[in-house]
Amino acid sequence: MSHSRIIVTGTDTGIGKTVFASALTGALNAFYWKPVQAGLEPDGTGDADAVARLSGIDPARVLPEAYRLNTPCSPHRAAEIDGITIDLAALTVPDVDGPLVIEGAGGALVPITRSHTYADQFAVWGHPAVLVARTELGTINHSLLSIEALRARGVSLIGIAFVGDGNEDTERTIAEMGRIKRLGRLPRLPSLDQAALSAAFAANFRAEDFGA
């Protein structure tokens, strides 16, 4: 199945979602868009800059965010702190010539505004999603809850991608109980750079699962 637009969401924050999104963007030679960046590094960079560095794509294919917020917290609160009102109409998916990877922030139910979550926005967009999950303790609960929340809103799931050390029983349990395709797992890398990430993705995922 061809997926010209793929949403990458996660079970939580800090689980490796941006690293996976970088690998997927590079494997598909896709465009990349993170509609809301909440929290910047001390040098003023964000996730889009990490994707530009790790994916290996032409930096021009990394699209500017609709909102770039300073505070590292949920977008709804970061916007309030920055004195900004997020207009959901500004989150229209960009029209690009080629595949597009769209990355959410944190978990699927993170609020964009005080009445609208990322999962709600994914349903508005109508594009299929990949759920990224860690392999550590607690991930079964987080993963199954995320799957239920996304499906309850009618979001189509391509599958689940794991990040971290292998945990065969946990990964299999989530896939079976969640009735979701197990796409693969990105292992921990001793050196996180474009070459190593590209090789790890190629060794552990099938590009055809993502429409390539």
Protein backbone atom coordinates (compact mmCIF):
# COMPACT_ATOMS: atom_id res chain seq x y z
CA MET A 1 0.00 0.00 0.00
CA SER A 2 1.31 3.45 -0.91
CA HIS A 3 1.41 6.04 1.87
CA SER A 4 2.21 9.50 0.51
CA ARG A 5 1.64 11.07 3.95
CA ILE A 6 2.70 9.30 7.15
CA ILE A 7 2.13 10.57 10.68
CA VAL A 8 4.70 9.59 13.30
CA THR A 9 3.33 9.68 16.84
CA GLY A 10 4.49 8.17 20.10
CA THR A 11 3.43 6.65 23.38
CA ASP A 12 5.27 9.29 25.41
CA THR A 13 7.90 12.00 25.17
CA GLY A 14 11.63 11.27 24.98
CA ILE A 15 11.22 7.76 23.55
CA GLY A 16 13.13 8.19 20.28
CA LYS A 17 10.26 9.33 18.07
CA THR A 18 12.32 12.02 16.34
CA VAL A 19 15.16 9.57 15.73
CA PHE A 20 12.71 7.14 14.13
CA ALA A 21 11.13 9.97 12.11
CA SER A 22 14.61 10.92 10.88
CA ALA A 23 15.32 7.37 9.78
CA LEU A 24 11.96 7.01 8.05
CA THR A 25 12.31 10.38 6.30
CA GLY A 26 15.73 9.39 5.01
CA ALA A 27 14.62 5.92 3.89
CA LEU A 28 11.72 7.39 1.90
CA ASN A 29 13.66 10.50 0.77
CA ALA A 30 10.58 12.27 2.06
CA PHE A 31 9.74 15.78 3.09
CA TYR A 32 9.49 16.29 6.87
CA TRP A 33 7.14 18.54 8.84
CA LYS A 34 6.68 19.02 12.56
CA PRO A 35 3.71 21.40 12.81
CA VAL A 36 4.37 22.52 16.39
CA GLN A 37 7.78 22.64 18.03
CA ALA A 38 7.47 23.17 21.77
CA GLY A 39 10.85 23.64 23.41
CA LEU A 40 14.16 24.59 21.83
CA GLU A 41 17.76 23.63 22.53
CA PRO A 42 20.04 26.31 24.04
CA ASP A 43 21.32 27.08 20.55
CA GLY A 44 17.77 27.65 19.30
CA THR A 45 17.48 24.42 17.33
CA GLY A 46 14.58 21.94 17.45
CA ASP A 47 13.53 18.54 16.14
CA ALA A 48 13.45 19.70 12.52
CA ASP A 49 17.14 20.56 12.78
CA ALA A 50 17.87 17.09 14.17
CA VAL A 51 15.97 15.51 11.29
CA ALA A 52 17.90 17.60 8.76
CA ARG A 53 21.14 16.33 10.31
CA LEU A 54 20.21 12.67 10.81
CA SER A 55 18.03 11.89 7.78
CA GLY A 56 20.49 12.70 5.02
CA ILE A 57 17.81 14.44 2.93
CA ASP A 58 18.18 17.78 1.20
CA PRO A 59 17.64 20.35 4.02
CA ALA A 60 15.14 22.11 1.74
CA ARG A 61 12.83 19.13 2.25
CA VAL A 62 12.59 19.93 5.98
CA LEU A 63 9.57 22.23 6.11
CA PRO A 64 9.21 25.09 8.61
CA GLU A 65 6.98 24.59 11.61
CA ALA A 66 3.61 26.31 11.79
CA TYR A 67 4.46 27.22 15.40
CA ARG A 68 7.87 27.35 17.08
CA LEU A 69 7.42 27.71 20.84
CA ASN A 70 10.10 28.27 23.46
CA THR A 71 8.92 26.34 26.51
CA PRO A 72 9.55 22.56 26.63
CA CYS A 73 6.08 21.42 27.63
CA SER A 74 2.75 20.48 26.07
CA PRO A 75 2.05 22.77 23.06
CA HIS A 76 -1.17 24.12 24.57
CA ARG A 77 0.69 25.40 27.63
CA ALA A 78 3.84 26.43 25.76
CA ALA A 79 1.68 28.61 23.52
CA GLU A 80 -0.01 30.21 26.53
CA ILE A 81 3.36 30.95 28.14
CA ASP A 82 4.62 32.48 24.88
CA GLY A 83 1.44 34.56 24.54
CA ILE A 84 0.45 32.79 21.31
CA THR A 85 -2.93 31.39 20.27
CA ILE A 86 -2.63 28.27 18.14
CA ASP A 87 -4.99 28.45 15.19
CA LEU A 88 -5.87 24.91 14.12
CA ALA A 89 -6.51 26.17 10.60
CA ALA A 90 -2.77 26.88 10.37
CA LEU A 91 -2.07 23.15 10.76
CA THR A 92 -3.16 22.26 7.24
CA VAL A 93 -0.85 19.59 5.83
CA PRO A 94 1.58 21.16 3.32
CA ASP A 95 1.14 20.26 -0.33
CA VAL A 96 4.46 18.76 -1.46
CA ASP A 97 5.55 16.75 -4.46
CA GLY A 98 6.54 13.46 -2.85
CA PRO A 99 6.12 11.57 0.42
CA LEU A 100 5.78 13.56 3.63
CA VAL A 101 6.56 12.47 7.20
CA ILE A 102 4.58 14.45 9.79
CA GLU A 103 5.79 14.26 13.39
CA GLY A 104 3.59 14.98 16.38
CA ALA A 105 4.84 16.05 19.81
CA GLY A 106 5.08 13.68 22.75
CA GLY A 107 2.26 11.15 23.01
CA ALA A 108 -0.90 10.80 20.95
CA LEU A 109 -3.11 12.58 23.50
CA VAL A 110 -0.87 15.58 24.07
CA PRO A 111 -3.05 18.73 23.82
CA ILE A 112 -2.42 21.19 21.00
CA THR A 113 -5.04 23.50 22.49
CA ARG A 114 -7.15 23.10 25.63
CA SER A 115 -9.81 21.26 23.64
CA HIS A 116 -7.91 19.52 20.84
CA THR A 117 -5.29 16.76 21.06
CA TYR A 118 -2.83 15.48 18.49
CA ALA A 119 -4.98 12.38 18.06
CA ASP A 120 -7.91 14.66 17.24
CA GLN A 121 -5.76 16.46 14.67
CA PHE A 122 -4.57 13.18 13.13
CA ALA A 123 -8.21 12.28 12.59
CA VAL A 124 -8.80 15.64 10.88
CA TRP A 125 -5.85 15.03 8.56
CA GLY A 126 -7.00 11.50 7.75
CA HIS A 127 -3.52 10.12 7.06
CA PRO A 128 -2.21 6.81 8.46
CA ALA A 129 0.07 6.79 11.50
CA VAL A 130 3.02 4.87 12.85
CA LEU A 131 3.07 4.53 16.63
CA VAL A 132 6.58 4.66 18.12
CA ALA A 133 7.11 2.96 21.49
CA ARG A 134 10.06 2.31 23.74
CA THR A 135 10.82 -1.23 24.89
CA GLU A 136 11.27 -0.47 28.58
CA LEU A 137 9.07 -1.21 31.60
CA GLY A 138 5.60 0.31 31.30
CA THR A 139 5.47 0.30 27.52
CA ILE A 140 2.72 -2.34 27.25
CA ASN A 141 0.26 -0.12 29.08
CA HIS A 142 1.31 3.06 27.26
CA SER A 143 1.23 1.35 23.87
CA LEU A 144 -2.15 -0.33 24.24
CA LEU A 145 -3.74 2.86 25.59
CA SER A 146 -2.32 4.84 22.67
CA ILE A 147 -3.60 2.30 20.16
CA GLU A 148 -7.09 2.46 21.67
CA ALA A 149 -7.10 6.27 21.73
CA LEU A 150 -6.07 6.53 18.08
CA ARG A 151 -8.51 3.90 16.86
CA ALA A 152 -11.34 5.48 18.85
CA ARG A 153 -10.85 8.58 16.71
CA GLY A 154 -10.70 6.63 13.48
CA VAL A 155 -6.97 7.05 12.91
CA SER A 156 -5.59 4.30 10.68
CA LEU A 157 -2.44 2.64 12.01
CA ILE A 158 0.28 1.34 9.72
CA GLY A 159 1.89 -0.42 12.67
CA ILE A 160 4.08 -0.01 15.72
CA ALA A 161 7.82 0.68 15.68
CA PHE A 162 9.93 0.01 18.75
CA VAL A 163 13.02 1.88 19.89
CA GLY A 164 15.54 0.51 22.37
CA ASP A 165 16.98 -2.80 23.53
CA GLY A 166 15.14 -5.90 22.33
CA ASN A 167 12.35 -7.28 24.52
CA GLU A 168 10.73 -10.05 22.50
CA ASP A 169 7.87 -10.87 24.84
CA THR A 170 6.89 -7.23 25.37
CA GLU A 171 6.97 -6.44 21.66
CA ARG A 172 5.00 -9.56 20.75
CA THR A 173 2.45 -8.95 23.53
CA ILE A 174 1.74 -5.41 22.35
CA ALA A 175 1.41 -6.51 18.72
CA GLU A 176 -0.93 -9.39 19.58
CA MET A 177 -3.08 -7.65 22.18
CA GLY A 178 -3.20 -4.41 20.20
CA ARG A 179 -3.89 -6.25 16.93
CA ILE A 180 -1.25 -4.10 15.26
CA LYS A 181 1.51 -4.83 12.79
CA ARG A 182 4.96 -5.05 14.35
CA LEU A 183 7.11 -3.02 11.97
CA GLY A 184 10.53 -3.47 13.58
CA ARG A 185 12.84 -2.05 16.22
CA LEU A 186 15.58 0.55 16.14
CA PRO A 187 18.33 -0.62 18.50
CA ARG A 188 20.40 1.66 20.66
CA LEU A 189 23.30 2.99 18.59
CA PRO A 190 26.77 3.62 20.05
CA SER A 191 27.07 6.62 17.75
CA LEU A 192 23.99 8.45 16.52
CA ASP A 193 24.79 9.79 13.06
CA GLN A 194 23.19 9.63 9.64
CA ALA A 195 25.16 6.63 8.37
CA ALA A 196 24.59 4.51 11.47
CA LEU A 197 20.90 5.40 11.67
CA SER A 198 20.30 4.67 7.99
CA ALA A 199 22.01 1.29 8.29
CA ALA A 200 20.04 0.39 11.43
CA PHE A 201 16.73 1.26 9.78
CA ALA A 202 17.56 -0.74 6.66
CA ALA A 203 18.53 -3.75 8.76
CA ASN A 204 15.45 -3.72 10.99
CA PHE A 205 12.54 -2.38 8.89
CA ARG A 206 11.05 -3.07 5.47
CA ALA A 207 10.66 0.03 3.33
CA GLU A 208 7.64 -1.51 1.59
CA ASP A 209 5.69 -1.43 4.89
CA PHE A 210 5.78 2.35 4.56
CA GLY A 211 4.78 2.48 0.93
CA ALA A 212 8.27 2.74 -0.57
